[in-house]
């Protein structure tokens, strides 16, 4: 009987935040010009959903601090708000990658080209909940600030005159490039799409982490493409799998 010991070291494990999208973006040449108008109903609903998200996150903070658990009903609702926001961003000016109108739903829709989910944690650190959403996340806040910018028109004084400056960040620049290319060529370059998905995936991972949904620190890595390449991460310190036993064939 021969025994082959599995090597000690890091093993593959899924990262708990999953951001998926259809790898083939389909968008028209001109619809992006009016998506800001078409998405207004979603923006109105999301404004109220994000108020509820903020209040319930405070409730979850207290619950985790006392019990070490994220209340499941609140967790599912907050994941749904992030999922809804991602679908609207994918449709509108977070990616411009589909012309299919987003559903008004907190639940995942298998037939819609954008998906978001977070694995429910059975236990969360009571100590980390005090610092991960502000102190530990500071490096990621810097990166996300570069990605998103201010997202609004800013007015500043220069040489005694008022000027308007767009602070849309990297996402705004990439989406603008995608819109121009769609308008003139009718196609969405795959490398640009993959980059935009990677940037959005980074932002959503950080959003889930600072919303207390996971204790696993977001990786500093652009996992590009519609299929989430970070679904499996090499994490050190995970117990190795049991040894594989090879049994010799019986002899006559």
C-alpha atoms as a PDB file:
ATOM      1  CA  UNK A   1       0.000   0.000   0.000  1.00  0.00           C
ATOM      2  CA  UNK A   2       1.434   3.365  -1.034  1.00  0.00           C
ATOM      3  CA  UNK A   3       0.426   6.647   0.574  1.00  0.00           C
ATOM      4  CA  UNK A   4       0.914   9.949  -1.274  1.00  0.00           C
ATOM      5  CA  UNK A   5       0.911  12.899   1.094  1.00  0.00           C
ATOM      6  CA  UNK A   6      -0.647  16.079  -0.232  1.00  0.00           C
ATOM      7  CA  UNK A   7       1.770  19.001  -0.204  1.00  0.00           C
ATOM      8  CA  UNK A   8       1.489  21.449   2.666  1.00  0.00           C
ATOM      9  CA  UNK A   9       0.804  25.044   1.709  1.00  0.00           C
ATOM     10  CA  UNK A  10      -1.925  27.285   0.331  1.00  0.00           C
ATOM     11  CA  UNK A  11      -4.991  25.708  -1.229  1.00  0.00           C
ATOM     12  CA  UNK A  12      -7.708  27.074  -3.453  1.00  0.00           C
ATOM     13  CA  UNK A  13     -10.722  28.696  -1.803  1.00  0.00           C
ATOM     14  CA  UNK A  14     -13.538  30.805  -3.163  1.00  0.00           C
ATOM     15  CA  UNK A  15     -13.580  34.484  -2.321  1.00  0.00           C
ATOM     16  CA  UNK A  16     -17.000  35.147  -0.731  1.00  0.00           C
ATOM     17  CA  UNK A  17     -18.000  38.091  -2.969  1.00  0.00           C
ATOM     18  CA  UNK A  18     -19.018  37.078  -6.492  1.00  0.00           C
ATOM     19  CA  UNK A  19     -19.455  39.566  -9.340  1.00  0.00           C
ATOM     20  CA  UNK A  20     -20.432  37.986 -12.643  1.00  0.00           C
ATOM     21  CA  UNK A  21     -21.578  39.338 -15.996  1.00  0.00           C
ATOM     22  CA  UNK A  22     -22.245  38.153 -19.514  1.00  0.00           C
ATOM     23  CA  UNK A  23     -18.834  38.137 -21.241  1.00  0.00           C
ATOM     24  CA  UNK A  24     -20.421  39.357 -24.479  1.00  0.00           C
ATOM     25  CA  UNK A  25     -21.654  42.951 -24.002  1.00  0.00           C
ATOM     26  CA  UNK A  26     -24.545  43.921 -26.265  1.00  0.00           C
ATOM     27  CA  UNK A  27     -25.315  47.641 -26.529  1.00  0.00           C
ATOM     28  CA  UNK A  28     -26.748  49.912 -29.214  1.00  0.00           C
ATOM     29  CA  UNK A  29     -25.024  52.893 -30.780  1.00  0.00           C
ATOM     30  CA  UNK A  30     -27.426  55.500 -29.424  1.00  0.00           C
ATOM     31  CA  UNK A  31     -29.427  54.204 -26.458  1.00  0.00           C
ATOM     32  CA  UNK A  32     -26.703  55.204 -24.013  1.00  0.00           C
ATOM     33  CA  UNK A  33     -27.567  58.854 -24.731  1.00  0.00           C
ATOM     34  CA  UNK A  34     -30.910  58.511 -22.914  1.00  0.00           C
ATOM     35  CA  UNK A  35     -30.172  55.839 -20.333  1.00  0.00           C
ATOM     36  CA  UNK A  36     -29.838  58.539 -17.684  1.00  0.00           C
ATOM     37  CA  UNK A  37     -33.504  59.300 -18.313  1.00  0.00           C
ATOM     38  CA  UNK A  38     -34.634  55.681 -18.546  1.00  0.00           C
ATOM     39  CA  UNK A  39     -32.861  54.804 -15.298  1.00  0.00           C
ATOM     40  CA  UNK A  40     -34.542  57.563 -13.236  1.00  0.00           C
ATOM     41  CA  UNK A  41     -37.171  55.173 -11.770  1.00  0.00           C
ATOM     42  CA  UNK A  42     -34.342  52.941 -10.546  1.00  0.00           C
ATOM     43  CA  UNK A  43     -32.447  55.896  -9.089  1.00  0.00           C
ATOM     44  CA  UNK A  44     -35.548  56.937  -7.121  1.00  0.00           C
ATOM     45  CA  UNK A  45     -36.105  53.440  -5.724  1.00  0.00           C
ATOM     46  CA  UNK A  46     -32.405  52.994  -4.948  1.00  0.00           C
ATOM     47  CA  UNK A  47     -32.347  56.262  -3.009  1.00  0.00           C
ATOM     48  CA  UNK A  48     -34.859  54.789  -0.561  1.00  0.00           C
ATOM     49  CA  UNK A  49     -33.208  51.367  -0.592  1.00  0.00           C
ATOM     50  CA  UNK A  50     -29.851  52.891   0.334  1.00  0.00           C
ATOM     51  CA  UNK A  51     -31.419  54.738   3.254  1.00  0.00           C
ATOM     52  CA  UNK A  52     -32.755  51.405   4.501  1.00  0.00           C
ATOM     53  CA  UNK A  53     -29.372  49.796   3.746  1.00  0.00           C
ATOM     54  CA  UNK A  54     -27.590  52.347   5.947  1.00  0.00           C
ATOM     55  CA  UNK A  55     -30.002  51.967   8.864  1.00  0.00           C
ATOM     56  CA  UNK A  56     -29.960  48.166   8.703  1.00  0.00           C
ATOM     57  CA  UNK A  57     -26.156  48.139   8.470  1.00  0.00           C
ATOM     58  CA  UNK A  58     -26.052  49.947  11.817  1.00  0.00           C
ATOM     59  CA  UNK A  59     -28.394  47.307  13.254  1.00  0.00           C
ATOM     60  CA  UNK A  60     -26.150  44.582  11.809  1.00  0.00           C
ATOM     61  CA  UNK A  61     -23.081  46.277  13.329  1.00  0.00           C
ATOM     62  CA  UNK A  62     -24.616  46.060  16.806  1.00  0.00           C
ATOM     63  CA  UNK A  63     -25.750  42.468  16.241  1.00  0.00           C
ATOM     64  CA  UNK A  64     -22.289  41.365  15.107  1.00  0.00           C
ATOM     65  CA  UNK A  65     -20.669  43.161  18.027  1.00  0.00           C
ATOM     66  CA  UNK A  66     -22.913  41.285  20.480  1.00  0.00           C
ATOM     67  CA  UNK A  67     -23.456  37.899  18.837  1.00  0.00           C
ATOM     68  CA  UNK A  68     -20.766  37.550  16.154  1.00  0.00           C
ATOM     69  CA  UNK A  69     -23.451  36.930  13.546  1.00  0.00           C
ATOM     70  CA  UNK A  70     -24.956  39.045  10.756  1.00  0.00           C
ATOM     71  CA  UNK A  71     -28.774  38.744  10.965  1.00  0.00           C
ATOM     72  CA  UNK A  72     -29.717  36.665   7.953  1.00  0.00           C
ATOM     73  CA  UNK A  73     -32.768  38.701   6.907  1.00  0.00           C
ATOM     74  CA  UNK A  74     -30.775  41.951   7.002  1.00  0.00           C
ATOM     75  CA  UNK A  75     -27.874  40.271   5.164  1.00  0.00           C
ATOM     76  CA  UNK A  76     -30.137  39.093   2.326  1.00  0.00           C
ATOM     77  CA  UNK A  77     -31.735  42.539   2.020  1.00  0.00           C
ATOM     78  CA  UNK A  78     -28.397  44.378   1.932  1.00  0.00           C
ATOM     79  CA  UNK A  79     -26.944  41.959  -0.610  1.00  0.00           C
ATOM     80  CA  UNK A  80     -30.068  42.586  -2.680  1.00  0.00           C
ATOM     81  CA  UNK A  81     -29.482  46.353  -2.581  1.00  0.00           C
ATOM     82  CA  UNK A  82     -25.907  45.900  -3.810  1.00  0.00           C
ATOM     83  CA  UNK A  83     -27.158  43.470  -6.469  1.00  0.00           C
ATOM     84  CA  UNK A  84     -29.812  45.937  -7.663  1.00  0.00           C
ATOM     85  CA  UNK A  85     -27.223  48.741  -7.749  1.00  0.00           C
ATOM     86  CA  UNK A  86     -24.825  46.597  -9.783  1.00  0.00           C
ATOM     87  CA  UNK A  87     -27.485  45.735 -12.357  1.00  0.00           C
ATOM     88  CA  UNK A  88     -28.370  49.424 -12.797  1.00  0.00           C
ATOM     89  CA  UNK A  89     -24.683  50.365 -13.056  1.00  0.00           C
ATOM     90  CA  UNK A  90     -24.115  47.602 -15.623  1.00  0.00           C
ATOM     91  CA  UNK A  91     -27.041  48.904 -17.687  1.00  0.00           C
ATOM     92  CA  UNK A  92     -26.202  52.580 -17.319  1.00  0.00           C
ATOM     93  CA  UNK A  93     -23.028  54.520 -16.710  1.00  0.00           C
ATOM     94  CA  UNK A  94     -21.074  51.985 -14.683  1.00  0.00           C
ATOM     95  CA  UNK A  95     -20.435  49.843 -17.773  1.00  0.00           C
ATOM     96  CA  UNK A  96     -22.992  50.503 -20.576  1.00  0.00           C
ATOM     97  CA  UNK A  97     -22.728  46.796 -21.303  1.00  0.00           C
ATOM     98  CA  UNK A  98     -26.356  45.862 -21.932  1.00  0.00           C
ATOM     99  CA  UNK A  99     -29.537  47.419 -23.259  1.00  0.00           C
ATOM    100  CA  UNK A 100     -31.769  45.047 -21.276  1.00  0.00           C
ATOM    101  CA  UNK A 101     -33.667  47.095 -18.714  1.00  0.00           C
ATOM    102  CA  UNK A 102     -32.819  46.041 -15.135  1.00  0.00           C
ATOM    103  CA  UNK A 103     -35.554  44.286 -13.159  1.00  0.00           C
ATOM    104  CA  UNK A 104     -37.052  45.933 -10.082  1.00  0.00           C
ATOM    105  CA  UNK A 105     -36.017  43.189  -7.708  1.00  0.00           C
ATOM    106  CA  UNK A 106     -33.635  42.442  -4.854  1.00  0.00           C
ATOM    107  CA  UNK A 107     -33.388  38.813  -5.963  1.00  0.00           C
ATOM    108  CA  UNK A 108     -30.947  37.422  -8.490  1.00  0.00           C
ATOM    109  CA  UNK A 109     -32.376  37.003 -11.981  1.00  0.00           C
ATOM    110  CA  UNK A 110     -30.603  34.174 -13.818  1.00  0.00           C
ATOM    111  CA  UNK A 111     -31.612  35.511 -17.238  1.00  0.00           C
ATOM    112  CA  UNK A 112     -30.215  39.002 -16.605  1.00  0.00           C
ATOM    113  CA  UNK A 113     -26.579  39.486 -17.747  1.00  0.00           C
ATOM    114  CA  UNK A 114     -25.261  40.946 -14.449  1.00  0.00           C
ATOM    115  CA  UNK A 115     -25.087  39.045 -11.156  1.00  0.00           C
ATOM    116  CA  UNK A 116     -23.890  39.734  -7.623  1.00  0.00           C
ATOM    117  CA  UNK A 117     -23.826  37.528  -4.552  1.00  0.00           C
ATOM    118  CA  UNK A 118     -22.053  37.160  -1.214  1.00  0.00           C
ATOM    119  CA  UNK A 119     -21.629  33.900   0.698  1.00  0.00           C
ATOM    120  CA  UNK A 120     -23.395  34.144   4.041  1.00  0.00           C
ATOM    121  CA  UNK A 121     -20.845  34.067   6.902  1.00  0.00           C
ATOM    122  CA  UNK A 122     -21.760  31.774   9.784  1.00  0.00           C
ATOM    123  CA  UNK A 123     -19.542  33.809  12.117  1.00  0.00           C
ATOM    124  CA  UNK A 124     -17.912  37.237  11.985  1.00  0.00           C
ATOM    125  CA  UNK A 125     -15.204  38.708  14.202  1.00  0.00           C
ATOM    126  CA  UNK A 126     -16.515  40.996  16.924  1.00  0.00           C
ATOM    127  CA  UNK A 127     -13.217  42.843  17.033  1.00  0.00           C
ATOM    128  CA  UNK A 128     -12.847  43.392  13.283  1.00  0.00           C
ATOM    129  CA  UNK A 129     -16.310  44.922  13.047  1.00  0.00           C
ATOM    130  CA  UNK A 130     -14.963  47.919  14.967  1.00  0.00           C
ATOM    131  CA  UNK A 131     -12.156  48.746  12.551  1.00  0.00           C
ATOM    132  CA  UNK A 132     -12.547  47.068   9.163  1.00  0.00           C
ATOM    133  CA  UNK A 133     -15.115  49.510   7.746  1.00  0.00           C
ATOM    134  CA  UNK A 134     -12.898  52.553   8.296  1.00  0.00           C
ATOM    135  CA  UNK A 135      -9.314  51.889   9.426  1.00  0.00           C
ATOM    136  CA  UNK A 136      -8.513  48.653   7.599  1.00  0.00           C
ATOM    137  CA  UNK A 137     -10.323  49.781   4.453  1.00  0.00           C
ATOM    138  CA  UNK A 138      -8.403  53.059   4.069  1.00  0.00           C
ATOM    139  CA  UNK A 139      -6.014  51.699   1.370  1.00  0.00           C
ATOM    140  CA  UNK A 140      -9.012  50.454  -0.603  1.00  0.00           C
ATOM    141  CA  UNK A 141     -10.832  53.758  -0.142  1.00  0.00           C
ATOM    142  CA  UNK A 142      -7.894  55.478  -1.855  1.00  0.00           C
ATOM    143  CA  UNK A 143      -8.079  53.074  -4.811  1.00  0.00           C
ATOM    144  CA  UNK A 144     -11.866  53.254  -5.064  1.00  0.00           C
ATOM    145  CA  UNK A 145     -11.634  57.055  -4.961  1.00  0.00           C
ATOM    146  CA  UNK A 146      -9.408  56.927  -8.053  1.00  0.00           C
ATOM    147  CA  UNK A 147     -11.826  54.524  -9.738  1.00  0.00           C
ATOM    148  CA  UNK A 148     -14.996  56.478  -9.025  1.00  0.00           C
ATOM    149  CA  UNK A 149     -13.866  60.067  -8.428  1.00  0.00           C
ATOM    150  CA  UNK A 150     -16.482  62.432  -7.112  1.00  0.00           C
ATOM    151  CA  UNK A 151     -19.015  61.322  -9.695  1.00  0.00           C
ATOM    152  CA  UNK A 152     -20.491  64.854  -9.887  1.00  0.00           C
ATOM    153  CA  UNK A 153     -19.756  68.253 -11.322  1.00  0.00           C
ATOM    154  CA  UNK A 154     -17.505  70.240  -8.991  1.00  0.00           C
ATOM    155  CA  UNK A 155     -17.254  74.013  -9.080  1.00  0.00           C
ATOM    156  CA  UNK A 156     -13.959  75.633  -8.185  1.00  0.00           C
ATOM    157  CA  UNK A 157     -12.450  79.095  -8.579  1.00  0.00           C
ATOM    158  CA  UNK A 158      -9.424  79.579 -10.821  1.00  0.00           C
ATOM    159  CA  UNK A 159      -7.900  83.002 -11.618  1.00  0.00           C
ATOM    160  CA  UNK A 160     -11.009  84.708 -10.313  1.00  0.00           C
ATOM    161  CA  UNK A 161     -13.358  82.767 -12.607  1.00  0.00           C
ATOM    162  CA  UNK A 162     -15.639  79.857 -11.828  1.00  0.00           C
ATOM    163  CA  UNK A 163     -15.079  76.649 -13.734  1.00  0.00           C
ATOM    164  CA  UNK A 164     -16.820  73.309 -13.834  1.00  0.00           C
ATOM    165  CA  UNK A 165     -14.693  70.175 -13.682  1.00  0.00           C
ATOM    166  CA  UNK A 166     -15.878  66.609 -14.130  1.00  0.00           C
ATOM    167  CA  UNK A 167     -14.739  64.242 -11.367  1.00  0.00           C
ATOM    168  CA  UNK A 168     -16.013  60.950 -12.730  1.00  0.00           C
ATOM    169  CA  UNK A 169     -12.839  59.002 -12.023  1.00  0.00           C
ATOM    170  CA  UNK A 170     -11.459  56.092 -14.031  1.00  0.00           C
ATOM    171  CA  UNK A 171     -14.877  54.466 -14.468  1.00  0.00           C
ATOM    172  CA  UNK A 172     -16.287  57.673 -15.942  1.00  0.00           C
ATOM    173  CA  UNK A 173     -13.393  57.958 -18.398  1.00  0.00           C
ATOM    174  CA  UNK A 174     -13.625  54.323 -19.502  1.00  0.00           C
ATOM    175  CA  UNK A 175     -17.403  54.489 -19.922  1.00  0.00           C
ATOM    176  CA  UNK A 176     -17.045  57.668 -21.993  1.00  0.00           C
ATOM    177  CA  UNK A 177     -14.534  55.906 -24.246  1.00  0.00           C
ATOM    178  CA  UNK A 178     -16.901  52.928 -24.550  1.00  0.00           C
ATOM    179  CA  UNK A 179     -19.790  55.260 -25.467  1.00  0.00           C
ATOM    180  CA  UNK A 180     -17.777  57.008 -28.189  1.00  0.00           C
ATOM    181  CA  UNK A 181     -16.638  53.703 -29.648  1.00  0.00           C
ATOM    182  CA  UNK A 182     -20.190  52.356 -29.589  1.00  0.00           C
ATOM    183  CA  UNK A 183     -21.433  55.466 -31.372  1.00  0.00           C
ATOM    184  CA  UNK A 184     -18.859  55.318 -34.179  1.00  0.00           C
ATOM    185  CA  UNK A 185     -18.191  51.588 -34.551  1.00  0.00           C
ATOM    186  CA  UNK A 186     -21.264  49.894 -33.107  1.00  0.00           C
ATOM    187  CA  UNK A 187     -19.078  47.510 -31.104  1.00  0.00           C
ATOM    188  CA  UNK A 188     -17.799  47.292 -27.542  1.00  0.00           C
ATOM    189  CA  UNK A 189     -14.060  46.402 -27.467  1.00  0.00           C
ATOM    190  CA  UNK A 190     -13.579  43.339 -25.297  1.00  0.00           C
ATOM    191  CA  UNK A 191     -10.379  44.580 -23.545  1.00  0.00           C
ATOM    192  CA  UNK A 192     -12.190  47.752 -22.479  1.00  0.00           C
ATOM    193  CA  UNK A 193     -15.156  45.723 -21.228  1.00  0.00           C
ATOM    194  CA  UNK A 194     -12.891  43.378 -19.263  1.00  0.00           C
ATOM    195  CA  UNK A 195     -11.120  46.327 -17.641  1.00  0.00           C
ATOM    196  CA  UNK A 196     -14.399  47.983 -16.654  1.00  0.00           C
ATOM    197  CA  UNK A 197     -15.639  44.728 -15.147  1.00  0.00           C
ATOM    198  CA  UNK A 198     -12.420  44.397 -13.158  1.00  0.00           C
ATOM    199  CA  UNK A 199     -12.741  47.923 -11.771  1.00  0.00           C
ATOM    200  CA  UNK A 200     -16.403  47.403 -10.846  1.00  0.00           C
ATOM    201  CA  UNK A 201     -15.582  44.041  -9.263  1.00  0.00           C
ATOM    202  CA  UNK A 202     -12.938  45.699  -7.070  1.00  0.00           C
ATOM    203  CA  UNK A 203     -15.433  48.379  -5.970  1.00  0.00           C
ATOM    204  CA  UNK A 204     -18.148  45.832  -5.143  1.00  0.00           C
ATOM    205  CA  UNK A 205     -15.779  43.635  -3.149  1.00  0.00           C
ATOM    206  CA  UNK A 206     -14.792  46.646  -1.065  1.00  0.00           C
ATOM    207  CA  UNK A 207     -18.459  47.630  -0.681  1.00  0.00           C
ATOM    208  CA  UNK A 208     -19.304  44.191   0.699  1.00  0.00           C
ATOM    209  CA  UNK A 209     -16.301  44.236   3.058  1.00  0.00           C
ATOM    210  CA  UNK A 210     -17.002  47.669   4.546  1.00  0.00           C
ATOM    211  CA  UNK A 211     -20.693  46.735   4.798  1.00  0.00           C
ATOM    212  CA  UNK A 212     -19.535  44.029   7.265  1.00  0.00           C
ATOM    213  CA  UNK A 213     -20.624  41.121   5.039  1.00  0.00           C
ATOM    214  CA  UNK A 214     -17.278  39.337   5.206  1.00  0.00           C
ATOM    215  CA  UNK A 215     -14.092  39.335   7.264  1.00  0.00           C
ATOM    216  CA  UNK A 216     -11.920  38.331   4.294  1.00  0.00           C
ATOM    217  CA  UNK A 217      -9.910  41.333   3.151  1.00  0.00           C
ATOM    218  CA  UNK A 218     -10.483  42.272  -0.513  1.00  0.00           C
ATOM    219  CA  UNK A 219      -7.509  41.396  -2.713  1.00  0.00           C
ATOM    220  CA  UNK A 220      -5.507  44.195  -4.308  1.00  0.00           C
ATOM    221  CA  UNK A 221      -5.973  42.771  -7.773  1.00  0.00           C
ATOM    222  CA  UNK A 222      -7.890  43.643 -10.936  1.00  0.00           C
ATOM    223  CA  UNK A 223      -9.780  40.446 -11.737  1.00  0.00           C
ATOM    224  CA  UNK A 224     -10.923  41.402 -15.197  1.00  0.00           C
ATOM    225  CA  UNK A 225     -13.605  39.872 -17.395  1.00  0.00           C
ATOM    226  CA  UNK A 226     -17.252  38.928 -17.031  1.00  0.00           C
ATOM    227  CA  UNK A 227     -16.469  35.596 -15.427  1.00  0.00           C
ATOM    228  CA  UNK A 228     -15.139  36.237 -11.934  1.00  0.00           C
ATOM    229  CA  UNK A 229     -11.494  35.029 -12.024  1.00  0.00           C
ATOM    230  CA  UNK A 230     -11.230  35.620  -8.284  1.00  0.00           C
ATOM    231  CA  UNK A 231     -13.840  33.039  -7.357  1.00  0.00           C
ATOM    232  CA  UNK A 232     -10.950  30.847  -6.253  1.00  0.00           C
ATOM    233  CA  UNK A 233      -8.063  32.397  -4.321  1.00  0.00           C
ATOM    234  CA  UNK A 234      -4.910  30.839  -2.945  1.00  0.00           C
ATOM    235  CA  UNK A 235      -5.214  31.499   0.771  1.00  0.00           C
ATOM    236  CA  UNK A 236      -2.401  30.485   3.126  1.00  0.00           C
ATOM    237  CA  UNK A 237      -3.061  28.730   6.395  1.00  0.00           C
ATOM    238  CA  UNK A 238      -5.929  26.578   5.165  1.00  0.00           C
ATOM    239  CA  UNK A 239      -5.697  22.968   6.423  1.00  0.00           C
ATOM    240  CA  UNK A 240      -4.409  20.632   3.717  1.00  0.00           C
ATOM    241  CA  UNK A 241      -6.746  18.025   2.281  1.00  0.00           C
ATOM    242  CA  UNK A 242      -6.498  14.452   3.619  1.00  0.00           C
ATOM    243  CA  UNK A 243      -3.794  12.238   2.106  1.00  0.00           C
ATOM    244  CA  UNK A 244      -4.665  10.316  -0.992  1.00  0.00           C
ATOM    245  CA  UNK A 245      -4.312   6.580  -0.525  1.00  0.00           C
ATOM    246  CA  UNK A 246      -3.372   4.441  -3.471  1.00  0.00           C
ATOM    247  CA  UNK A 247      -4.129   0.750  -3.056  1.00  0.00           C
ATOM    248  CA  UNK A 248      -2.134  -1.773  -5.024  1.00  0.00           C
ATOM    249  CA  UNK A 249      -4.156  -4.160  -7.200  1.00  0.00           C
ATOM    250  CA  UNK A 250      -4.744  -7.609  -5.672  1.00  0.00           C
ATOM    251  CA  UNK A 251      -2.263 -10.315  -6.615  1.00  0.00           C
ATOM    252  CA  UNK A 252      -3.350 -13.805  -7.535  1.00  0.00           C
END
